Amino acid sequence: MAEMLTYANQLHSLTSGRGIYSMEFSHYEDVPGHIAQKLIEERKAEKEPGKE
């Protein structure tokens, strides 16, 4: 999904504004372990008192 956030701009640039696309949900997948751990650590840091 993260890759799709910049796709519209890239497509627009590559096709001089003529390209179109659509997205359709396919399925869920497990998050890879290293990414899950990073997300957990970031969330813990957000929840620490005094952190804004």
PDB file of N, CA and C in Angstrom:
ATOM      1  N   MET A   1       0.824  -1.191   0.000  1.00  0.00           N
ATOM      2  CA  MET A   1       0.000   0.000   0.000  1.00  0.00           C
ATOM      3  C   MET A   1       0.865   1.251   0.000  1.00  0.00           C
ATOM      4  N   ALA A   2       1.962   1.208   0.715  1.00  0.00           N
ATOM      5  CA  ALA A   2       2.820   2.391   0.794  1.00  0.00           C
ATOM      6  C   ALA A   2       3.309   2.824  -0.588  1.00  0.00           C
ATOM      7  N   GLU A   3       3.569   1.857  -1.450  1.00  0.00           N
ATOM      8  CA  GLU A   3       4.040   2.181  -2.795  1.00  0.00           C
ATOM      9  C   GLU A   3       2.979   2.905  -3.612  1.00  0.00           C
ATOM     10  N   MET A   4       1.714   2.651  -3.307  1.00  0.00           N
ATOM     11  CA  MET A   4       0.625   3.257  -4.077  1.00  0.00           C
ATOM     12  C   MET A   4       0.438   4.740  -3.763  1.00  0.00           C
ATOM     13  N   LEU A   5       0.970   5.190  -2.638  1.00  0.00           N
ATOM     14  CA  LEU A   5       0.794   6.591  -2.260  1.00  0.00           C
ATOM     15  C   LEU A   5       1.487   7.540  -3.227  1.00  0.00           C
ATOM     16  N   THR A   6       2.553   7.089  -3.861  1.00  0.00           N
ATOM     17  CA  THR A   6       3.267   7.934  -4.821  1.00  0.00           C
ATOM     18  C   THR A   6       2.981   7.542  -6.273  1.00  0.00           C
ATOM     19  N   TYR A   7       2.241   6.463  -6.460  1.00  0.00           N
ATOM     20  CA  TYR A   7       2.007   5.944  -7.808  1.00  0.00           C
ATOM     21  C   TYR A   7       1.256   6.928  -8.697  1.00  0.00           C
ATOM     22  N   ALA A   8       0.244   7.601  -8.171  1.00  0.00           N
ATOM     23  CA  ALA A   8      -0.549   8.531  -8.985  1.00  0.00           C
ATOM     24  C   ALA A   8       0.329   9.633  -9.561  1.00  0.00           C
ATOM     25  N   ASN A   9       1.215  10.195  -8.753  1.00  0.00           N
ATOM     26  CA  ASN A   9       2.110  11.245  -9.243  1.00  0.00           C
ATOM     27  C   ASN A   9       3.089  10.707 -10.282  1.00  0.00           C
ATOM     28  N   GLN A  10       3.620   9.517 -10.039  1.00  0.00           N
ATOM     29  CA  GLN A  10       4.551   8.919 -10.991  1.00  0.00           C
ATOM     30  C   GLN A  10       3.854   8.631 -12.317  1.00  0.00           C
ATOM     31  N   LEU A  11       2.663   8.083 -12.252  1.00  0.00           N
ATOM     32  CA  LEU A  11       1.909   7.775 -13.467  1.00  0.00           C
ATOM     33  C   LEU A  11       1.582   9.046 -14.236  1.00  0.00           C
ATOM     34  N   HIS A  12       1.182  10.069 -13.525  1.00  0.00           N
ATOM     35  CA  HIS A  12       0.860  11.358 -14.147  1.00  0.00           C
ATOM     36  C   HIS A  12       2.087  11.892 -14.892  1.00  0.00           C
ATOM     37  N   SER A  13       3.246  11.835 -14.246  1.00  0.00           N
ATOM     38  CA  SER A  13       4.477  12.327 -14.865  1.00  0.00           C
ATOM     39  C   SER A  13       4.871  11.503 -16.087  1.00  0.00           C
ATOM     40  N   LEU A  14       4.789  10.189 -15.972  1.00  0.00           N
ATOM     41  CA  LEU A  14       5.218   9.307 -17.056  1.00  0.00           C
ATOM     42  C   LEU A  14       4.303   9.354 -18.275  1.00  0.00           C
ATOM     43  N   THR A  15       3.035   9.699 -18.073  1.00  0.00           N
ATOM     44  CA  THR A  15       2.069   9.646 -19.172  1.00  0.00           C
ATOM     45  C   THR A  15       1.553  11.022 -19.575  1.00  0.00           C
ATOM     46  N   SER A  16       2.220  12.058 -19.133  1.00  0.00           N
ATOM     47  CA  SER A  16       1.784  13.439 -19.409  1.00  0.00           C
ATOM     48  C   SER A  16       0.326  13.662 -19.010  1.00  0.00           C
ATOM     49  N   GLY A  17      -0.064  13.064 -17.897  1.00  0.00           N
ATOM     50  CA  GLY A  17      -1.404  13.263 -17.371  1.00  0.00           C
ATOM     51  C   GLY A  17      -2.487  12.409 -17.992  1.00  0.00           C
ATOM     52  N   ARG A  18      -2.139  11.488 -18.881  1.00  0.00           N
ATOM     53  CA  ARG A  18      -3.148  10.676 -19.578  1.00  0.00           C
ATOM     54  C   ARG A  18      -3.420   9.331 -18.911  1.00  0.00           C
ATOM     55  N   GLY A  19      -2.499   8.864 -18.104  1.00  0.00           N
ATOM     56  CA  GLY A  19      -2.660   7.538 -17.498  1.00  0.00           C
ATOM     57  C   GLY A  19      -3.678   7.534 -16.374  1.00  0.00           C
ATOM     58  N   ILE A  20      -4.383   6.428 -16.254  1.00  0.00           N
ATOM     59  CA  ILE A  20      -5.327   6.247 -15.156  1.00  0.00           C
ATOM     60  C   ILE A  20      -5.076   4.877 -14.533  1.00  0.00           C
ATOM     61  N   TYR A  21      -5.510   4.711 -13.303  1.00  0.00           N
ATOM     62  CA  TYR A  21      -5.387   3.418 -12.644  1.00  0.00           C
ATOM     63  C   TYR A  21      -6.503   3.281 -11.630  1.00  0.00           C
ATOM     64  N   SER A  22      -6.708   2.080 -11.184  1.00  0.00           N
ATOM     65  CA  SER A  22      -7.660   1.839 -10.102  1.00  0.00           C
ATOM     66  C   SER A  22      -7.061   0.782  -9.183  1.00  0.00           C
ATOM     67  N   MET A  23      -7.518   0.774  -7.949  1.00  0.00           N
ATOM     68  CA  MET A  23      -7.046  -0.209  -6.979  1.00  0.00           C
ATOM     69  C   MET A  23      -8.227  -1.052  -6.528  1.00  0.00           C
ATOM     70  N   GLU A  24      -7.936  -2.294  -6.252  1.00  0.00           N
ATOM     71  CA  GLU A  24      -8.959  -3.204  -5.757  1.00  0.00           C
ATOM     72  C   GLU A  24      -8.333  -4.061  -4.668  1.00  0.00           C
ATOM     73  N   PHE A  25      -9.030  -4.185  -3.531  1.00  0.00           N
ATOM     74  CA  PHE A  25      -8.512  -5.004  -2.437  1.00  0.00           C
ATOM     75  C   PHE A  25      -8.404  -6.454  -2.884  1.00  0.00           C
ATOM     76  N   SER A  26      -7.275  -7.063  -2.575  1.00  0.00           N
ATOM     77  CA  SER A  26      -7.061  -8.455  -2.928  1.00  0.00           C
ATOM     78  C   SER A  26      -7.089  -9.341  -1.685  1.00  0.00           C
ATOM     79  N   HIS A  27      -6.197  -9.054  -0.716  1.00  0.00           N
ATOM     80  CA  HIS A  27      -6.103  -9.899   0.471  1.00  0.00           C
ATOM     81  C   HIS A  27      -5.219  -9.235   1.525  1.00  0.00           C
ATOM     82  N   TYR A  28      -5.294  -9.755   2.719  1.00  0.00           N
ATOM     83  CA  TYR A  28      -4.399  -9.340   3.793  1.00  0.00           C
ATOM     84  C   TYR A  28      -3.211 -10.283   3.819  1.00  0.00           C
ATOM     85  N   GLU A  29      -2.073  -9.771   4.285  1.00  0.00           N
ATOM     86  CA  GLU A  29      -0.901 -10.608   4.509  1.00  0.00           C
ATOM     87  C   GLU A  29      -0.309 -10.254   5.859  1.00  0.00           C
ATOM     88  N   ASP A  30       0.410 -11.194   6.457  1.00  0.00           N
ATOM     89  CA  ASP A  30       1.114 -10.911   7.699  1.00  0.00           C
ATOM     90  C   ASP A  30       2.220  -9.903   7.436  1.00  0.00           C
ATOM     91  N   VAL A  31       2.446  -9.048   8.412  1.00  0.00           N
ATOM     92  CA  VAL A  31       3.528  -8.074   8.312  1.00  0.00           C
ATOM     93  C   VAL A  31       4.835  -8.805   8.592  1.00  0.00           C
ATOM     94  N   PRO A  32       5.875  -8.587   7.779  1.00  0.00           N
ATOM     95  CA  PRO A  32       7.166  -9.212   8.059  1.00  0.00           C
ATOM     96  C   PRO A  32       7.658  -8.829   9.461  1.00  0.00           C
ATOM     97  N   GLY A  33       8.351  -9.739  10.105  1.00  0.00           N
ATOM     98  CA  GLY A  33       8.792  -9.552  11.484  1.00  0.00           C
ATOM     99  C   GLY A  33       9.560  -8.277  11.746  1.00  0.00           C
ATOM    100  N   HIS A  34      10.500  -7.924  10.868  1.00  0.00           N
ATOM    101  CA  HIS A  34      11.313  -6.730  11.107  1.00  0.00           C
ATOM    102  C   HIS A  34      10.482  -5.453  11.021  1.00  0.00           C
ATOM    103  N   ILE A  35       9.478  -5.441  10.162  1.00  0.00           N
ATOM    104  CA  ILE A  35       8.600  -4.274  10.056  1.00  0.00           C
ATOM    105  C   ILE A  35       7.669  -4.222  11.264  1.00  0.00           C
ATOM    106  N   ALA A  36       7.146  -5.365  11.678  1.00  0.00           N
ATOM    107  CA  ALA A  36       6.272  -5.413  12.853  1.00  0.00           C
ATOM    108  C   ALA A  36       7.013  -4.903  14.081  1.00  0.00           C
ATOM    109  N   GLN A  37       8.252  -5.333  14.259  1.00  0.00           N
ATOM    110  CA  GLN A  37       9.037  -4.900  15.418  1.00  0.00           C
ATOM    111  C   GLN A  37       9.268  -3.394  15.388  1.00  0.00           C
ATOM    112  N   LYS A  38       9.552  -2.847  14.231  1.00  0.00           N
ATOM    113  CA  LYS A  38       9.749  -1.403  14.096  1.00  0.00           C
ATOM    114  C   LYS A  38       8.471  -0.651  14.474  1.00  0.00           C
ATOM    115  N   LEU A  39       7.325  -1.124  13.996  1.00  0.00           N
ATOM    116  CA  LEU A  39       6.049  -0.483  14.313  1.00  0.00           C
ATOM    117  C   LEU A  39       5.745  -0.550  15.808  1.00  0.00           C
ATOM    118  N   ILE A  40       6.031  -1.683  16.425  1.00  0.00           N
ATOM    119  CA  ILE A  40       5.807  -1.844  17.864  1.00  0.00           C
ATOM    120  C   ILE A  40       6.671  -0.867  18.646  1.00  0.00           C
ATOM    121  N   GLU A  41       7.941  -0.757  18.280  1.00  0.00           N
ATOM    122  CA  GLU A  41       8.843   0.159  18.977  1.00  0.00           C
ATOM    123  C   GLU A  41       8.401   1.609  18.804  1.00  0.00           C
ATOM    124  N   GLU A  42       7.959   1.979  17.605  1.00  0.00           N
ATOM    125  CA  GLU A  42       7.488   3.345  17.373  1.00  0.00           C
ATOM    126  C   GLU A  42       6.255   3.646  18.214  1.00  0.00           C
ATOM    127  N   ARG A  43       5.351   2.691  18.295  1.00  0.00           N
ATOM    128  CA  ARG A  43       4.123   2.894  19.078  1.00  0.00           C
ATOM    129  C   ARG A  43       4.440   3.014  20.563  1.00  0.00           C
ATOM    130  N   LYS A  44       5.359   2.188  21.062  1.00  0.00           N
ATOM    131  CA  LYS A  44       5.751   2.279  22.470  1.00  0.00           C
ATOM    132  C   LYS A  44       6.353   3.643  22.769  1.00  0.00           C
ATOM    133  N   ALA A  45       7.172   4.156  21.861  1.00  0.00           N
ATOM    134  CA  ALA A  45       7.796   5.467  22.047  1.00  0.00           C
ATOM    135  C   ALA A  45       6.735   6.564  22.083  1.00  0.00           C
ATOM    136  N   GLU A  46       5.688   6.434  21.281  1.00  0.00           N
ATOM    137  CA  GLU A  46       4.600   7.418  21.266  1.00  0.00           C
ATOM    138  C   GLU A  46       3.828   7.414  22.576  1.00  0.00           C
ATOM    139  N   LYS A  47       3.708   6.259  23.196  1.00  0.00           N
ATOM    140  CA  LYS A  47       2.910   6.125  24.412  1.00  0.00           C
ATOM    141  C   LYS A  47       3.668   6.522  25.674  1.00  0.00           C
ATOM    142  N   GLU A  48       4.989   6.711  25.594  1.00  0.00           N
ATOM    143  CA  GLU A  48       5.772   7.082  26.770  1.00  0.00           C
ATOM    144  C   GLU A  48       5.340   8.450  27.277  1.00  0.00           C
ATOM    145  N   PRO A  49       5.228   8.593  28.608  1.00  0.00           N
ATOM    146  CA  PRO A  49       4.858   9.899  29.169  1.00  0.00           C
ATOM    147  C   PRO A  49       5.881  10.972  28.795  1.00  0.00           C
ATOM    148  N   GLY A  50       5.384  12.153  28.508  1.00  0.00           N
ATOM    149  CA  GLY A  50       6.269  13.263  28.162  1.00  0.00           C
ATOM    150  C   GLY A  50       6.650  13.323  26.703  1.00  0.00           C
ATOM    151  N   LYS A  51       6.256  12.329  25.941  1.00  0.00           N
ATOM    152  CA  LYS A  51       6.549  12.331  24.500  1.00  0.00           C
ATOM    153  C   LYS A  51       5.371  12.937  23.766  1.00  0.00           C
ATOM    154  N   GLU A  52       5.621  13.922  22.941  1.00  0.00           N
ATOM    155  CA  GLU A  52       4.552  14.555  22.152  1.00  0.00           C
ATOM    156  C   GLU A  52       4.928  14.520  20.704  1.00  0.00           C
TER     157      GLU A  52
END
